[in-house]
Amino acid sequence: MTHTAMVHRFTAICLLFSLSCIANAVAQDTITIPTGGKASKVLDRLTVGTYGEATFKYNFYSDNVFRYTFAERYRDAKGHGQVDVPHAVIMLGYDFGKGWSFGTEIEFEHGGIEAAIELETEETGEYEKETERGGEVALEQFWVQKSFNQYANIRAGHIVVPVGATNNAHLPTQFYGVFRPEGENTILPCTWHETGISFWGRSKHWRYELQLLPALNSSMFSVGRWANQASASPYEFRPANRLAFAARVDYTLPHWRLSLSGYVGNTFNNDIVTSNAEKYKGVKGTVAIGAFDFKCSYGGFLARGNFDYGHLDQADAISVFNRRLSNSNGSPYPHTEVGESAIAAGLEVGYDIFHTTKLNKMKLVVFGRADYYDSYNPPYGFNDYQWSERLCFSGGINYAPIPQIVVKAEGGVRTLNTQYNNEPWFAVGITWAAMFNRH
């Protein structure tokens, strides 16, 4: 069975399971519609939602893979345009009662996957496999939860890892840019989701969460994206030879939210390809990530910011190991050196021009954003790829005719070290995020 077929089958099974859970609940409840036309008991417990975005972006620079290696060649290269549906998500949730609930998110990234086998009459009846469109189908959340009270809840299944600002608030209506903030979206998995168990609760101004998860995979770290792909698995299962912990604490006051989050786990040999060689004995590849983020809103002003730092122990040994991994056709590994640390910081500030008007719930936000990030701080003795360090500036507008819909326009520039070419761009998008229920 091909990988595409497996993805489609897995997604279908998840959707069927979700619907069967709800159907089973429907079968056990007596559905009655009162004369007042109110929703039934079952429908009151059902939650359906969606979020996503459709975008157009024009990059005023070359997208050639050698644009950093031979920067001078591409200084005057033509730009290129891109249209995309980065995320389109369907959410289902159900409250079974007695503290038990269920939630799932099925995500179609970049339009999903369109693949088929066709019988080609132009080629004397040969069967031909065609891929009409790239993309991914991902199970972003799939969990069951038991709530004891507001202080203690246990969630088990496939869950979001809330490390950093974007993973905790990744809906497109929760940031101003057309795309997710560039720094966190480069060095961390985003949206980061793993199969594990979570304990969380609330107490007055505090929200806290602790998670037990499979560790990241050091073989999937890279120069350009640090740990961004390290939670991914090209196999039918997620290797879990090593376990890790993630935690998050939010403190909320009027106008303010302050948050700390972190992650720690050993990453080496957390793959189906492992090594028992003597020279790698004692290599653990411990990764530690710490993040601070905040949100401040007052009147028509809103500011959000983040700072993230990650460190990978024994990055020199892991870099040597990764470069020597099999490079045969179809190998899923980046085969690059690995930074011993990575950093990302971002700040965005916006003002709602319609704040003092009475235009229902319409908003027109003018915003600016700055991001600094470096995905590769080299281990001692390794090459320093200076194009991995970037400072980005952008600004634009958000128009929300209703709270669930936001139309965005943004222009910006990605600045690199002087030996490289800066990368200006412009983008527009329409985004949505909504929950539908009968309450």
Protein backbone atom coordinates (compact mmCIF):
# COMPACT_ATOMS: atom_id res chain seq x y z
CA MET A 1 0.00 0.00 0.00
CA THR A 2 1.38 3.43 -0.95
CA HIS A 3 2.00 6.14 1.63
CA THR A 4 -0.76 8.28 0.08
CA ALA A 5 -3.25 5.42 0.29
CA MET A 6 -2.31 4.80 3.91
CA VAL A 7 -2.85 8.49 4.76
CA HIS A 8 -6.27 8.47 3.11
CA ARG A 9 -7.29 5.24 4.83
CA PHE A 10 -6.08 6.48 8.22
CA THR A 11 -7.95 9.77 7.85
CA ALA A 12 -11.12 7.95 6.83
CA ILE A 13 -10.87 5.66 9.85
CA CYS A 14 -10.44 8.67 12.17
CA LEU A 15 -13.47 10.44 10.72
CA LEU A 16 -15.57 7.28 10.91
CA PHE A 17 -14.52 6.71 14.50
CA SER A 18 -15.41 10.30 15.40
CA LEU A 19 -18.83 9.98 13.81
CA SER A 20 -19.42 6.55 15.36
CA CYS A 21 -18.73 7.96 18.84
CA ILE A 22 -21.32 10.65 18.25
CA ALA A 23 -23.77 8.22 16.63
CA ASN A 24 -23.46 5.88 19.62
CA ALA A 25 -24.27 8.75 21.95
CA VAL A 26 -27.24 9.67 19.80
CA ALA A 27 -28.49 6.09 19.93
CA GLN A 28 -28.38 6.06 23.74
CA ASP A 29 -30.18 9.38 24.20
CA THR A 30 -33.86 10.07 23.59
CA ILE A 31 -34.07 12.78 20.97
CA THR A 32 -37.05 15.04 21.45
CA ILE A 33 -37.69 18.45 19.99
CA PRO A 34 -39.76 20.53 22.41
CA THR A 35 -42.56 22.68 21.09
CA GLY A 36 -40.41 25.74 21.62
CA GLY A 37 -38.06 24.49 18.88
CA LYS A 38 -35.06 24.13 21.21
CA ALA A 39 -32.21 21.79 20.27
CA SER A 40 -32.25 18.20 21.41
CA LYS A 41 -30.18 16.97 24.31
CA VAL A 42 -27.71 15.29 21.98
CA LEU A 43 -27.20 18.29 19.73
CA ASP A 44 -26.57 20.45 22.78
CA ARG A 45 -23.58 18.21 23.56
CA LEU A 46 -22.16 18.28 20.04
CA THR A 47 -19.62 20.88 18.94
CA VAL A 48 -18.53 21.36 15.33
CA GLY A 49 -15.94 23.85 14.18
CA THR A 50 -13.60 24.85 11.40
CA TYR A 51 -10.63 27.12 10.77
CA GLY A 52 -8.22 27.79 7.96
CA GLU A 53 -6.90 30.25 5.45
CA ALA A 54 -6.53 30.77 1.70
CA THR A 55 -3.57 32.90 0.64
CA PHE A 56 -1.69 34.55 -2.20
CA LYS A 57 1.94 35.58 -1.79
CA TYR A 58 4.40 37.22 -4.16
CA ASN A 59 8.09 36.89 -3.31
CA PHE A 60 10.29 39.55 -4.92
CA TYR A 61 13.32 37.23 -4.90
CA SER A 62 14.49 33.94 -6.38
CA ASP A 63 13.35 30.66 -4.84
CA ASN A 64 16.34 28.76 -6.27
CA VAL A 65 17.82 26.30 -3.78
CA PHE A 66 21.30 27.79 -4.40
CA ARG A 67 20.30 31.39 -3.66
CA TYR A 68 22.39 31.39 -0.47
CA THR A 69 25.30 29.32 -1.76
CA PHE A 70 25.74 31.56 -4.83
CA ALA A 71 23.94 34.70 -3.71
CA GLU A 72 25.48 36.98 -6.35
CA ARG A 73 23.98 34.93 -9.20
CA TYR A 74 20.44 35.56 -7.96
CA ARG A 75 20.70 39.21 -6.93
CA ASP A 76 18.54 40.39 -9.85
CA ALA A 77 16.46 37.25 -10.32
CA LYS A 78 12.74 37.50 -11.01
CA GLY A 79 10.23 36.94 -8.23
CA HIS A 80 7.52 34.30 -8.06
CA GLY A 81 3.93 34.04 -6.88
CA GLN A 82 2.26 31.35 -4.81
CA VAL A 83 -1.35 30.51 -4.01
CA ASP A 84 -2.09 28.11 -1.18
CA VAL A 85 -4.53 26.81 1.38
CA PRO A 86 -2.00 26.34 4.21
CA HIS A 87 -4.57 24.91 6.63
CA ALA A 88 -8.19 23.81 6.42
CA VAL A 89 -9.40 22.10 9.58
CA ILE A 90 -12.60 20.33 10.64
CA MET A 91 -13.20 20.06 14.39
CA LEU A 92 -15.63 17.75 16.18
CA GLY A 93 -16.31 17.53 19.90
CA TYR A 94 -18.82 15.74 22.10
CA ASP A 95 -19.68 15.88 25.79
CA PHE A 96 -20.65 12.37 26.94
CA GLY A 97 -21.59 13.54 30.42
CA LYS A 98 -20.22 12.66 33.86
CA GLY A 99 -17.02 14.56 33.04
CA TRP A 100 -16.19 12.59 29.88
CA SER A 101 -15.67 14.37 26.56
CA PHE A 102 -14.08 13.79 23.18
CA GLY A 103 -12.39 16.08 20.65
CA THR A 104 -10.71 15.79 17.27
CA GLU A 105 -9.22 17.96 14.54
CA ILE A 106 -8.61 16.72 11.00
CA GLU A 107 -6.30 19.07 9.11
CA PHE A 108 -5.79 19.36 5.37
CA GLU A 109 -2.52 21.20 4.73
CA HIS A 110 -1.77 22.88 1.39
CA GLY A 111 -4.92 21.48 -0.20
CA GLY A 112 -4.51 17.89 0.93
CA ILE A 113 -3.38 15.13 -1.41
CA GLU A 114 -4.85 14.43 -4.81
CA ALA A 115 -3.53 11.16 -6.20
CA ALA A 116 -5.05 8.50 -8.40
CA ILE A 117 -4.31 5.57 -10.69
CA GLU A 118 -5.66 6.07 -14.19
CA LEU A 119 -5.97 3.87 -17.26
CA GLU A 120 -4.35 5.96 -20.01
CA THR A 121 -5.80 5.43 -23.49
CA GLU A 122 -3.03 7.61 -24.93
CA GLU A 123 -0.44 5.11 -23.69
CA THR A 124 -1.96 1.90 -25.09
CA GLY A 125 -4.01 1.18 -21.99
CA GLU A 126 -1.22 1.41 -19.42
CA TYR A 127 -2.02 2.08 -15.79
CA GLU A 128 -0.43 5.29 -14.57
CA LYS A 129 -0.15 6.71 -11.06
CA GLU A 130 -0.65 10.46 -11.02
CA THR A 131 -0.18 13.03 -8.28
CA GLU A 132 -2.28 16.04 -9.22
CA ARG A 133 -1.61 18.13 -6.14
CA GLY A 134 0.81 18.02 -3.24
CA GLY A 135 -0.20 18.48 0.37
CA GLU A 136 -0.81 16.65 3.61
CA VAL A 137 -3.68 15.24 5.61
CA ALA A 138 -2.92 15.28 9.32
CA LEU A 139 -4.68 14.18 12.48
CA GLU A 140 -3.91 17.20 14.65
CA GLN A 141 -6.02 16.26 17.69
CA PHE A 142 -7.85 13.08 18.72
CA TRP A 143 -8.41 12.72 22.44
CA VAL A 144 -10.70 11.64 25.27
CA GLN A 145 -10.86 13.73 28.44
CA LYS A 146 -12.03 13.15 32.00
CA SER A 147 -12.80 16.32 33.95
CA PHE A 148 -12.99 15.94 37.73
CA ASN A 149 -13.33 19.67 38.47
CA GLN A 150 -11.81 22.94 37.27
CA TYR A 151 -8.54 22.10 39.01
CA ALA A 152 -7.99 18.59 37.60
CA ASN A 153 -8.54 17.27 34.08
CA ILE A 154 -6.85 14.36 32.31
CA ARG A 155 -6.67 14.26 28.51
CA ALA A 156 -5.26 11.25 26.62
CA GLY A 157 -4.76 10.70 22.91
CA HIS A 158 -3.36 12.90 20.17
CA ILE A 159 -2.93 16.39 21.66
CA VAL A 160 -1.38 19.76 20.90
CA VAL A 161 1.91 20.52 22.68
CA PRO A 162 1.43 24.13 23.93
CA VAL A 163 5.11 25.17 23.89
CA GLY A 164 5.50 28.69 22.55
CA ALA A 165 2.92 31.29 21.60
CA THR A 166 1.87 29.88 18.22
CA ASN A 167 1.32 26.28 19.31
CA ASN A 168 -0.91 27.52 22.10
CA ALA A 169 -2.85 29.91 19.80
CA HIS A 170 -2.51 28.69 16.22
CA LEU A 171 -5.89 29.65 14.75
CA PRO A 172 -5.43 32.20 11.94
CA THR A 173 -7.63 34.72 13.74
CA GLN A 174 -5.21 34.65 16.69
CA PHE A 175 -2.33 36.45 14.95
CA TYR A 176 -2.23 39.41 12.58
CA GLY A 177 0.04 38.11 9.83
CA VAL A 178 -1.20 36.29 6.75
CA PHE A 179 0.98 33.35 7.82
CA ARG A 180 1.96 32.03 11.22
CA PRO A 181 4.78 33.97 12.94
CA GLU A 182 7.95 33.09 11.07
CA GLY A 183 10.40 32.55 13.93
CA GLU A 184 8.44 29.95 15.92
CA ASN A 185 7.14 28.40 12.71
CA THR A 186 10.77 27.77 11.69
CA ILE A 187 12.57 26.43 14.76
CA LEU A 188 9.71 24.56 16.53
CA PRO A 189 7.18 21.99 15.31
CA CYS A 190 4.12 24.07 14.43
CA THR A 191 1.41 23.10 15.04
CA TRP A 192 3.12 20.64 17.39
CA HIS A 193 0.95 17.60 18.08
CA GLU A 194 1.88 14.29 19.71
CA THR A 195 0.17 11.21 21.10
CA GLY A 196 0.42 11.34 24.88
CA ILE A 197 -1.30 12.22 28.12
CA SER A 198 -1.96 15.61 29.68
CA PHE A 199 -2.94 16.84 33.13
CA TRP A 200 -4.33 20.38 33.25
CA GLY A 201 -6.45 22.68 35.38
CA ARG A 202 -7.37 26.22 36.36
CA SER A 203 -7.27 28.14 39.62
CA LYS A 204 -8.33 31.79 39.72
CA HIS A 205 -5.83 33.63 37.49
CA TRP A 206 -3.79 30.52 36.69
CA ARG A 207 -3.95 27.79 34.06
CA TYR A 208 -1.41 24.95 34.22
CA GLU A 209 -0.65 21.88 32.11
CA LEU A 210 1.84 18.99 32.23
CA GLN A 211 2.26 16.46 29.41
CA LEU A 212 4.02 13.12 28.93
CA LEU A 213 4.93 12.57 25.26
CA PRO A 214 7.23 10.70 22.88
CA ALA A 215 10.50 12.61 22.53
CA LEU A 216 11.63 14.45 19.43
CA ASN A 217 13.84 12.63 16.90
CA SER A 218 17.36 14.09 16.54
CA SER A 219 17.71 12.52 13.08
CA MET A 220 15.08 14.98 11.81
CA PHE A 221 16.81 18.15 13.09
CA SER A 222 18.32 20.36 10.37
CA VAL A 223 20.32 23.52 9.69
CA GLY A 224 17.46 25.55 8.26
CA ARG A 225 14.62 24.48 10.56
CA TRP A 226 16.24 23.12 13.76
CA ALA A 227 13.49 21.02 15.46
CA ASN A 228 10.64 21.95 13.12
CA GLN A 229 10.41 18.47 11.57
CA ALA A 230 11.65 16.54 14.62
CA SER A 231 8.16 15.49 15.73
CA ALA A 232 7.31 14.12 12.29
CA SER A 233 7.47 10.44 11.35
CA PRO A 234 7.46 9.09 7.79
CA TYR A 235 6.41 5.67 9.10
CA GLU A 236 3.02 4.23 10.03
CA PHE A 237 3.85 4.82 13.69
CA ARG A 238 5.69 7.40 15.75
CA PRO A 239 8.92 6.00 17.28
CA ALA A 240 8.80 6.32 21.08
CA ASN A 241 12.07 4.84 22.33
CA ARG A 242 12.45 8.00 24.43
CA LEU A 243 9.85 9.95 26.40
CA ALA A 244 9.69 13.66 27.14
CA PHE A 245 7.85 16.19 29.29
CA ALA A 246 6.18 19.44 28.28
CA ALA A 247 4.62 22.03 30.56
CA ARG A 248 2.85 25.37 30.35
CA VAL A 249 1.66 27.94 32.90
CA ASP A 250 -0.53 30.95 32.05
CA TYR A 251 -1.20 33.85 34.41
CA THR A 252 -4.07 36.13 33.43
CA LEU A 253 -4.94 39.59 34.71
CA PRO A 254 -7.21 42.29 33.30
CA HIS A 255 -5.65 43.30 29.96
CA TRP A 256 -2.71 40.88 30.39
CA ARG A 257 -1.72 37.25 29.90
CA LEU A 258 1.81 36.10 30.81
CA SER A 259 2.93 32.57 29.93
CA LEU A 260 5.88 30.25 30.45
CA SER A 261 6.24 26.92 28.64
CA GLY A 262 8.96 24.32 28.22
CA TYR A 263 9.97 20.91 26.99
CA VAL A 264 12.74 18.42 27.86
CA GLY A 265 13.60 14.97 26.53
CA ASN A 266 16.34 12.78 25.03
CA THR A 267 16.24 12.67 21.24
CA PHE A 268 19.07 10.40 20.05
CA ASN A 269 18.11 6.91 18.79
CA ASN A 270 14.42 7.84 18.95
CA ASP A 271 13.91 6.34 15.49
CA ILE A 272 13.67 2.97 13.77
CA VAL A 273 17.23 3.64 12.56
CA THR A 274 19.41 3.42 15.68
CA SER A 275 23.10 2.95 16.42
CA ASN A 276 24.93 0.79 18.94
CA ALA A 277 28.37 1.93 17.76
CA GLU A 278 30.88 2.48 20.54
CA LYS A 279 31.54 6.10 19.53
CA TYR A 280 27.88 6.96 20.11
CA LYS A 281 27.70 5.25 23.46
CA GLY A 282 26.49 7.76 26.03
CA VAL A 283 24.97 10.10 23.43
CA LYS A 284 21.50 11.11 24.60
CA GLY A 285 20.85 14.25 22.61
CA THR A 286 18.93 15.92 25.42
CA VAL A 287 16.89 18.82 24.09
CA ALA A 288 15.56 21.56 26.35
CA ILE A 289 13.22 24.30 25.11
CA GLY A 290 12.04 27.28 27.10
CA ALA A 291 9.53 29.88 25.93
CA PHE A 292 7.92 33.05 27.23
CA ASP A 293 4.97 34.74 25.53
CA PHE A 294 2.50 37.44 26.44
CA LYS A 295 -0.62 39.23 25.26
CA CYS A 296 -1.70 42.73 26.27
CA SER A 297 -4.94 44.40 25.16
CA TYR A 298 -6.18 47.82 26.18
CA GLY A 299 -8.83 49.78 24.36
CA GLY A 300 -8.17 49.38 20.65
CA PHE A 301 -4.53 48.38 21.15
CA LEU A 302 -3.29 44.81 21.25
CA ALA A 303 0.29 43.57 21.57
CA ARG A 304 1.63 40.02 21.45
CA GLY A 305 5.18 38.78 21.81
CA ASN A 306 7.31 35.68 22.27
CA PHE A 307 10.83 34.58 23.10
CA ASP A 308 11.95 30.98 22.53
CA TYR A 309 15.29 29.31 23.15
CA GLY A 310 16.23 25.70 22.52
CA HIS A 311 19.41 23.75 23.27
CA LEU A 312 20.46 20.34 21.94
CA ASP A 313 23.13 18.53 23.95
CA GLN A 314 25.89 16.70 22.05
CA ALA A 315 24.93 18.37 18.78
CA ASP A 316 28.42 17.69 17.39
CA ALA A 317 28.06 13.88 17.66
CA ILE A 318 24.50 14.04 16.33
CA SER A 319 25.63 16.16 13.36
CA VAL A 320 28.20 13.50 12.42
CA PHE A 321 25.61 10.73 12.82
CA ASN A 322 22.98 12.54 10.74
CA ARG A 323 25.37 13.24 7.87
CA ARG A 324 26.15 9.52 7.68
CA LEU A 325 22.54 8.32 7.61
CA SER A 326 21.49 6.46 4.49
CA ASN A 327 20.99 8.83 1.58
CA SER A 328 19.31 6.27 -0.66
CA ASN A 329 16.33 7.20 -2.80
CA GLY A 330 13.33 8.01 -0.61
CA SER A 331 15.33 8.60 2.58
CA PRO A 332 13.28 10.92 4.85
CA TYR A 333 16.24 12.49 6.70
CA PRO A 334 17.62 16.02 6.17
CA HIS A 335 21.29 14.79 6.33
CA THR A 336 22.53 18.15 7.63
CA GLU A 337 24.45 19.40 10.62
CA VAL A 338 22.42 20.26 13.70
CA GLY A 339 22.61 23.49 15.68
CA GLU A 340 23.40 23.15 19.35
CA SER A 341 20.92 25.95 19.96
CA ALA A 342 18.23 27.97 18.22
CA ILE A 343 16.42 31.16 19.11
CA ALA A 344 13.29 33.04 18.05
CA ALA A 345 11.78 36.31 19.24
CA GLY A 346 8.80 38.19 17.90
CA LEU A 347 6.60 41.19 18.63
CA GLU A 348 3.43 42.40 16.92
CA VAL A 349 1.35 45.45 17.77
CA GLY A 350 -1.99 46.44 16.28
CA TYR A 351 -4.66 49.09 16.68
CA ASP A 352 -8.34 48.71 15.78
CA ILE A 353 -9.40 51.86 13.94
CA PHE A 354 -13.07 50.95 14.46
CA HIS A 355 -12.65 50.60 18.22
CA THR A 356 -14.42 53.85 19.10
CA THR A 357 -17.16 53.47 16.47
CA LYS A 358 -20.45 51.58 16.59
CA LEU A 359 -20.02 49.35 13.56
CA ASN A 360 -21.43 46.25 15.25
CA LYS A 361 -18.47 43.87 15.71
CA MET A 362 -16.47 44.97 12.68
CA LYS A 363 -12.74 45.56 13.11
CA LEU A 364 -10.08 47.25 11.01
CA VAL A 365 -6.66 46.66 12.53
CA VAL A 366 -3.44 48.30 11.39
CA PHE A 367 -0.44 46.30 12.61
CA GLY A 368 3.31 45.93 12.53
CA ARG A 369 5.45 42.89 13.31
CA ALA A 370 9.14 42.11 13.88
CA ASP A 371 10.74 38.67 14.11
CA TYR A 372 14.31 37.65 14.82
CA TYR A 373 15.39 34.03 14.64
CA ASP A 374 18.43 31.83 14.13
CA SER A 375 17.89 28.14 13.46
CA TYR A 376 21.55 27.13 13.60
CA ASN A 377 24.16 27.99 16.21
CA PRO A 378 26.87 25.51 15.13
CA PRO A 379 28.68 23.09 17.43
CA TYR A 380 32.37 23.82 17.87
CA GLY A 381 34.36 23.08 14.72
CA PHE A 382 31.40 22.93 12.33
CA ASN A 383 30.48 25.28 9.48
CA ASP A 384 28.48 28.37 10.34
CA TYR A 385 25.66 28.80 7.82
CA GLN A 386 25.00 32.49 8.41
CA TRP A 387 21.88 32.59 6.23
CA SER A 388 20.08 30.81 9.10
CA GLU A 389 20.05 34.12 11.04
CA ARG A 390 17.24 36.43 9.93
CA LEU A 391 15.51 39.61 10.97
CA CYS A 392 12.03 40.15 9.50
CA PHE A 393 9.80 43.23 9.43
CA SER A 394 6.24 43.38 8.17
CA GLY A 395 3.06 45.39 8.46
CA GLY A 396 -0.44 45.47 7.09
CA ILE A 397 -4.14 45.46 7.84
CA ASN A 398 -6.76 43.03 9.14
CA TYR A 399 -10.41 43.61 8.24
CA ALA A 400 -12.96 41.54 10.17
CA PRO A 401 -16.54 42.10 8.96
CA ILE A 402 -17.62 39.57 11.61
CA PRO A 403 -15.50 38.00 14.39
CA GLN A 404 -15.21 34.66 12.56
CA ILE A 405 -13.82 36.07 9.27
CA VAL A 406 -10.64 38.11 8.79
CA VAL A 407 -9.29 39.45 5.49
CA LYS A 408 -5.56 40.19 5.70
CA ALA A 409 -2.99 42.10 3.65
CA GLU A 410 0.68 42.21 4.64
CA GLY A 411 3.98 43.32 3.17
CA GLY A 412 7.41 42.67 4.60
CA VAL A 413 11.08 41.98 4.12
CA ARG A 414 13.35 39.26 5.44
CA THR A 415 16.84 40.67 6.03
CA LEU A 416 19.91 38.44 6.12
CA ASN A 417 23.62 38.94 6.66
CA THR A 418 25.22 41.31 4.12
CA GLN A 419 26.65 38.58 1.85
CA TYR A 420 23.10 37.43 1.04
CA ASN A 421 20.16 39.08 -0.71
CA ASN A 422 17.26 40.44 1.31
CA GLU A 423 13.86 38.86 0.61
CA PRO A 424 10.88 41.25 0.28
CA TRP A 425 7.35 39.91 -0.18
CA PHE A 426 3.66 40.78 -0.22
CA ALA A 427 0.70 38.57 0.75
CA VAL A 428 -3.07 38.64 1.06
CA GLY A 429 -5.36 36.07 2.61
CA ILE A 430 -8.83 35.31 3.85
CA THR A 431 -9.00 33.43 7.15
CA TRP A 432 -11.76 31.95 9.23
CA ALA A 433 -12.28 30.31 12.61
CA ALA A 434 -15.68 29.37 13.99
CA MET A 435 -17.36 26.94 16.37
CA PHE A 436 -20.91 25.77 15.68
CA ASN A 437 -23.14 24.33 18.38
CA ARG A 438 -26.73 24.59 19.53
CA HIS A 439 -26.13 26.48 22.78
